[in-house]
C-alpha atoms as a PDB file:
ATOM      1  CA  UNK A   1      -2.749 -13.827  -1.960  1.00  0.00           C
ATOM      2  CA  UNK A   2       0.654 -12.738  -0.639  1.00  0.00           C
ATOM      3  CA  UNK A   3       2.148  -9.304  -1.028  1.00  0.00           C
ATOM      4  CA  UNK A   4       5.779  -8.454  -0.358  1.00  0.00           C
ATOM      5  CA  UNK A   5       7.353  -4.939  -0.267  1.00  0.00           C
ATOM      6  CA  UNK A   6      10.981  -4.010  -0.417  1.00  0.00           C
ATOM      7  CA  UNK A   7      12.634  -0.578  -0.429  1.00  0.00           C
ATOM      8  CA  UNK A   8      15.966   0.762  -1.673  1.00  0.00           C
ATOM      9  CA  UNK A   9      17.633   2.823  -4.327  1.00  0.00           C
ATOM     10  CA  UNK A  10      15.998   3.266  -7.623  1.00  0.00           C
ATOM     11  CA  UNK A  11      18.960   1.635  -9.476  1.00  0.00           C
ATOM     12  CA  UNK A  12      19.015  -1.504  -7.303  1.00  0.00           C
ATOM     13  CA  UNK A  13      15.307  -2.082  -7.353  1.00  0.00           C
ATOM     14  CA  UNK A  14      15.083  -1.344 -11.063  1.00  0.00           C
ATOM     15  CA  UNK A  15      17.583  -4.187 -11.701  1.00  0.00           C
ATOM     16  CA  UNK A  16      15.472  -6.616  -9.597  1.00  0.00           C
ATOM     17  CA  UNK A  17      12.316  -5.603 -11.553  1.00  0.00           C
ATOM     18  CA  UNK A  18      14.072  -6.139 -14.838  1.00  0.00           C
ATOM     19  CA  UNK A  19      15.431  -9.480 -13.763  1.00  0.00           C
ATOM     20  CA  UNK A  20      11.975 -10.783 -12.665  1.00  0.00           C
ATOM     21  CA  UNK A  21       9.866  -9.170 -15.391  1.00  0.00           C
ATOM     22  CA  UNK A  22       7.599 -12.260 -15.520  1.00  0.00           C
ATOM     23  CA  UNK A  23       6.519 -11.634 -11.918  1.00  0.00           C
ATOM     24  CA  UNK A  24       3.629  -9.379 -10.920  1.00  0.00           C
ATOM     25  CA  UNK A  25       5.800  -6.559  -9.704  1.00  0.00           C
ATOM     26  CA  UNK A  26       4.992  -2.822  -9.322  1.00  0.00           C
ATOM     27  CA  UNK A  27       8.093  -0.565  -9.388  1.00  0.00           C
ATOM     28  CA  UNK A  28       7.520   2.711  -7.627  1.00  0.00           C
ATOM     29  CA  UNK A  29       9.771   5.747  -7.621  1.00  0.00           C
ATOM     30  CA  UNK A  30       9.533   8.156  -4.646  1.00  0.00           C
ATOM     31  CA  UNK A  31      11.155  11.327  -3.514  1.00  0.00           C
ATOM     32  CA  UNK A  32      13.455   9.688  -1.009  1.00  0.00           C
ATOM     33  CA  UNK A  33      13.600   6.064  -2.110  1.00  0.00           C
ATOM     34  CA  UNK A  34      12.108   3.527  -4.458  1.00  0.00           C
ATOM     35  CA  UNK A  35       9.934   0.510  -3.623  1.00  0.00           C
ATOM     36  CA  UNK A  36       8.913  -2.710  -5.260  1.00  0.00           C
ATOM     37  CA  UNK A  37       5.533  -4.327  -4.619  1.00  0.00           C
ATOM     38  CA  UNK A  38       5.207  -8.071  -5.404  1.00  0.00           C
ATOM     39  CA  UNK A  39       1.735  -9.651  -5.534  1.00  0.00           C
ATOM     40  CA  UNK A  40       1.898 -13.513  -5.778  1.00  0.00           C
ATOM     41  CA  UNK A  41       0.349 -16.774  -4.693  1.00  0.00           C
ATOM     42  CA  UNK A  42       3.798 -18.128  -3.927  1.00  0.00           C
ATOM     43  CA  UNK A  43       7.030 -16.946  -2.526  1.00  0.00           C
ATOM     44  CA  UNK A  44       8.694 -13.663  -3.288  1.00  0.00           C
ATOM     45  CA  UNK A  45      11.842 -12.928  -5.229  1.00  0.00           C
ATOM     46  CA  UNK A  46      13.016 -10.406  -2.657  1.00  0.00           C
ATOM     47  CA  UNK A  47      15.722 -11.401  -0.165  1.00  0.00           C
ATOM     48  CA  UNK A  48      14.521  -9.280   2.794  1.00  0.00           C
ATOM     49  CA  UNK A  49      10.838  -8.375   2.200  1.00  0.00           C
ATOM     50  CA  UNK A  50       8.085  -6.976   4.434  1.00  0.00           C
ATOM     51  CA  UNK A  51       5.373  -9.683   4.058  1.00  0.00           C
ATOM     52  CA  UNK A  52       1.572  -9.021   4.130  1.00  0.00           C
ATOM     53  CA  UNK A  53      -1.673 -10.881   3.667  1.00  0.00           C
ATOM     54  CA  UNK A  54      -4.247  -9.190   1.439  1.00  0.00           C
ATOM     55  CA  UNK A  55      -7.399  -8.686   3.342  1.00  0.00           C
ATOM     56  CA  UNK A  56      -9.095  -6.578   0.724  1.00  0.00           C
ATOM     57  CA  UNK A  57      -8.251  -5.931  -2.867  1.00  0.00           C
ATOM     58  CA  UNK A  58      -9.985  -3.874  -5.491  1.00  0.00           C
ATOM     59  CA  UNK A  59      -8.867  -2.903  -9.036  1.00  0.00           C
ATOM     60  CA  UNK A  60      -5.846  -3.854 -11.085  1.00  0.00           C
ATOM     61  CA  UNK A  61      -2.322  -2.652 -10.307  1.00  0.00           C
ATOM     62  CA  UNK A  62      -1.482  -0.525 -13.349  1.00  0.00           C
ATOM     63  CA  UNK A  63       2.195   0.401 -14.039  1.00  0.00           C
ATOM     64  CA  UNK A  64       1.391   4.074 -14.227  1.00  0.00           C
ATOM     65  CA  UNK A  65      -0.183   6.450 -11.760  1.00  0.00           C
ATOM     66  CA  UNK A  66       0.268   7.811  -8.314  1.00  0.00           C
ATOM     67  CA  UNK A  67       0.635   5.423  -5.387  1.00  0.00           C
ATOM     68  CA  UNK A  68       0.069   6.106  -1.726  1.00  0.00           C
ATOM     69  CA  UNK A  69       0.992   3.835   1.193  1.00  0.00           C
ATOM     70  CA  UNK A  70      -0.734   4.658   4.440  1.00  0.00           C
ATOM     71  CA  UNK A  71       1.334   3.027   7.182  1.00  0.00           C
ATOM     72  CA  UNK A  72      -0.926   2.298  10.200  1.00  0.00           C
ATOM     73  CA  UNK A  73       0.668   0.783  13.268  1.00  0.00           C
ATOM     74  CA  UNK A  74      -1.987  -1.179  15.137  1.00  0.00           C
ATOM     75  CA  UNK A  75      -1.583  -2.767  18.522  1.00  0.00           C
ATOM     76  CA  UNK A  76      -1.819  -6.593  18.385  1.00  0.00           C
ATOM     77  CA  UNK A  77      -4.822  -6.726  20.674  1.00  0.00           C
ATOM     78  CA  UNK A  78      -6.665  -4.165  18.524  1.00  0.00           C
ATOM     79  CA  UNK A  79      -6.225  -5.733  15.056  1.00  0.00           C
ATOM     80  CA  UNK A  80      -9.746  -7.135  14.897  1.00  0.00           C
ATOM     81  CA  UNK A  81     -11.223  -3.829  15.889  1.00  0.00           C
ATOM     82  CA  UNK A  82      -9.165  -1.997  13.399  1.00  0.00           C
ATOM     83  CA  UNK A  83      -9.991  -4.337  10.530  1.00  0.00           C
ATOM     84  CA  UNK A  84     -13.698  -4.211  11.396  1.00  0.00           C
ATOM     85  CA  UNK A  85     -13.726  -0.389  11.492  1.00  0.00           C
ATOM     86  CA  UNK A  86     -11.705  -0.035   8.344  1.00  0.00           C
ATOM     87  CA  UNK A  87     -13.838  -2.428   6.298  1.00  0.00           C
ATOM     88  CA  UNK A  88     -16.763  -0.096   6.796  1.00  0.00           C
ATOM     89  CA  UNK A  89     -14.858   2.680   4.972  1.00  0.00           C
ATOM     90  CA  UNK A  90     -12.952   0.634   2.391  1.00  0.00           C
ATOM     91  CA  UNK A  91     -15.438   0.825  -0.436  1.00  0.00           C
ATOM     92  CA  UNK A  92     -15.701   4.659  -0.253  1.00  0.00           C
ATOM     93  CA  UNK A  93     -12.409   5.400  -2.070  1.00  0.00           C
ATOM     94  CA  UNK A  94     -13.429   2.955  -4.930  1.00  0.00           C
ATOM     95  CA  UNK A  95     -16.071   5.477  -6.091  1.00  0.00           C
ATOM     96  CA  UNK A  96     -13.697   8.470  -6.214  1.00  0.00           C
ATOM     97  CA  UNK A  97     -12.691  10.122  -9.493  1.00  0.00           C
ATOM     98  CA  UNK A  98      -9.224   8.800 -10.543  1.00  0.00           C
ATOM     99  CA  UNK A  99      -9.227   5.650  -8.368  1.00  0.00           C
ATOM    100  CA  UNK A 100      -7.426   2.664  -9.960  1.00  0.00           C
ATOM    101  CA  UNK A 101      -6.695   0.119  -7.147  1.00  0.00           C
ATOM    102  CA  UNK A 102      -6.763  -0.530  -3.436  1.00  0.00           C
ATOM    103  CA  UNK A 103      -4.929  -3.109  -1.343  1.00  0.00           C
ATOM    104  CA  UNK A 104      -5.444  -3.490   2.427  1.00  0.00           C
ATOM    105  CA  UNK A 105      -2.465  -5.366   3.748  1.00  0.00           C
ATOM    106  CA  UNK A 106      -2.223  -7.076   7.140  1.00  0.00           C
ATOM    107  CA  UNK A 107       1.465  -7.586   8.284  1.00  0.00           C
ATOM    108  CA  UNK A 108       2.453 -11.275   8.648  1.00  0.00           C
ATOM    109  CA  UNK A 109       4.879 -10.327  11.455  1.00  0.00           C
ATOM    110  CA  UNK A 110       3.359  -8.858  14.687  1.00  0.00           C
ATOM    111  CA  UNK A 111       5.702  -5.883  14.897  1.00  0.00           C
ATOM    112  CA  UNK A 112       4.843  -4.643  11.363  1.00  0.00           C
ATOM    113  CA  UNK A 113       2.268  -2.045  10.424  1.00  0.00           C
ATOM    114  CA  UNK A 114      -0.794  -2.392   8.196  1.00  0.00           C
ATOM    115  CA  UNK A 115      -0.448  -0.869   4.742  1.00  0.00           C
ATOM    116  CA  UNK A 116      -3.266   0.670   2.910  1.00  0.00           C
ATOM    117  CA  UNK A 117      -2.111   0.984  -0.722  1.00  0.00           C
ATOM    118  CA  UNK A 118      -4.012   3.090  -3.256  1.00  0.00           C
ATOM    119  CA  UNK A 119      -3.290   3.677  -6.882  1.00  0.00           C
ATOM    120  CA  UNK A 120      -4.635   6.849  -8.629  1.00  0.00           C
ATOM    121  CA  UNK A 121      -4.589   8.195 -12.149  1.00  0.00           C
ATOM    122  CA  UNK A 122      -2.706  11.298 -10.845  1.00  0.00           C
ATOM    123  CA  UNK A 123      -1.462  13.028  -7.756  1.00  0.00           C
ATOM    124  CA  UNK A 124      -3.992  15.714  -8.186  1.00  0.00           C
ATOM    125  CA  UNK A 125      -6.885  13.250  -8.106  1.00  0.00           C
ATOM    126  CA  UNK A 126      -5.483  11.680  -4.928  1.00  0.00           C
ATOM    127  CA  UNK A 127      -5.273  15.125  -3.366  1.00  0.00           C
ATOM    128  CA  UNK A 128      -8.968  15.716  -4.141  1.00  0.00           C
ATOM    129  CA  UNK A 129      -9.822  12.394  -2.416  1.00  0.00           C
ATOM    130  CA  UNK A 130      -7.538  13.251   0.565  1.00  0.00           C
ATOM    131  CA  UNK A 131      -9.499  16.506   1.094  1.00  0.00           C
ATOM    132  CA  UNK A 132     -12.812  14.600   0.996  1.00  0.00           C
ATOM    133  CA  UNK A 133     -14.668  13.058   3.964  1.00  0.00           C
ATOM    134  CA  UNK A 134     -14.076   9.706   2.420  1.00  0.00           C
ATOM    135  CA  UNK A 135     -10.394   9.715   3.204  1.00  0.00           C
ATOM    136  CA  UNK A 136      -9.515   7.390   6.200  1.00  0.00           C
ATOM    137  CA  UNK A 137      -7.020   8.886   8.427  1.00  0.00           C
ATOM    138  CA  UNK A 138      -6.707   7.188  11.903  1.00  0.00           C
ATOM    139  CA  UNK A 139      -7.397   9.699  14.695  1.00  0.00           C
ATOM    140  CA  UNK A 140      -8.053   9.830  18.479  1.00  0.00           C
ATOM    141  CA  UNK A 141     -11.724   8.923  17.983  1.00  0.00           C
ATOM    142  CA  UNK A 142     -10.685   5.262  17.564  1.00  0.00           C
ATOM    143  CA  UNK A 143      -9.203   5.159  21.099  1.00  0.00           C
ATOM    144  CA  UNK A 144      -5.810   3.685  21.846  1.00  0.00           C
ATOM    145  CA  UNK A 145      -5.650   0.923  19.149  1.00  0.00           C
ATOM    146  CA  UNK A 146      -2.585   2.485  17.531  1.00  0.00           C
ATOM    147  CA  UNK A 147       0.952   1.950  18.801  1.00  0.00           C
ATOM    148  CA  UNK A 148       2.242   5.140  17.308  1.00  0.00           C
ATOM    149  CA  UNK A 149       1.100   7.781  14.702  1.00  0.00           C
ATOM    150  CA  UNK A 150       0.214   6.693  11.203  1.00  0.00           C
ATOM    151  CA  UNK A 151       2.086   8.236   8.264  1.00  0.00           C
ATOM    152  CA  UNK A 152       1.662   8.433   4.439  1.00  0.00           C
ATOM    153  CA  UNK A 153       4.340   7.886   1.794  1.00  0.00           C
ATOM    154  CA  UNK A 154       3.827   8.437  -1.915  1.00  0.00           C
ATOM    155  CA  UNK A 155       5.328   7.152  -5.152  1.00  0.00           C
ATOM    156  CA  UNK A 156       4.863   7.218  -8.843  1.00  0.00           C
ATOM    157  CA  UNK A 157       4.349   3.834 -10.482  1.00  0.00           C
ATOM    158  CA  UNK A 158       6.792   3.484 -13.282  1.00  0.00           C
ATOM    159  CA  UNK A 159       6.706   1.355 -16.453  1.00  0.00           C
ATOM    160  CA  UNK A 160      10.049   0.075 -17.685  1.00  0.00           C
ATOM    161  CA  UNK A 161      10.333   0.825 -21.377  1.00  0.00           C
END
């Protein structure tokens, strides 16, 4: 499975989503920008996408809810260690109240970051999870496998009516 992401203004991405409504697209509206997520076996409809391989998927991508993207920059030589460590924790979020979907995405380009995408029923339920021990946030205990600090962005999945 291939996943592609693109970012931009809400108006611009909304037009792309409407034009390609037969594709498996998830339109997300954020505080600073909008994003489109395209899950496909083939090529993307985006002109300048960030491309990923799905290394773990759980749940269906619903067109409503709260979406988080955990951006985790991993050094090339540490990718296997990161994936092994993360796989041990992946299943934990699936049992949290309000969980809808999870995608663990490996960047196809070496200079890109891993994305951990989660979809929740609401922002409040995600915050409950984030405060729990199950929430995976890279830290110094994993050594120097990260090229720079991780960061989290959030969006609201939007259905076009």
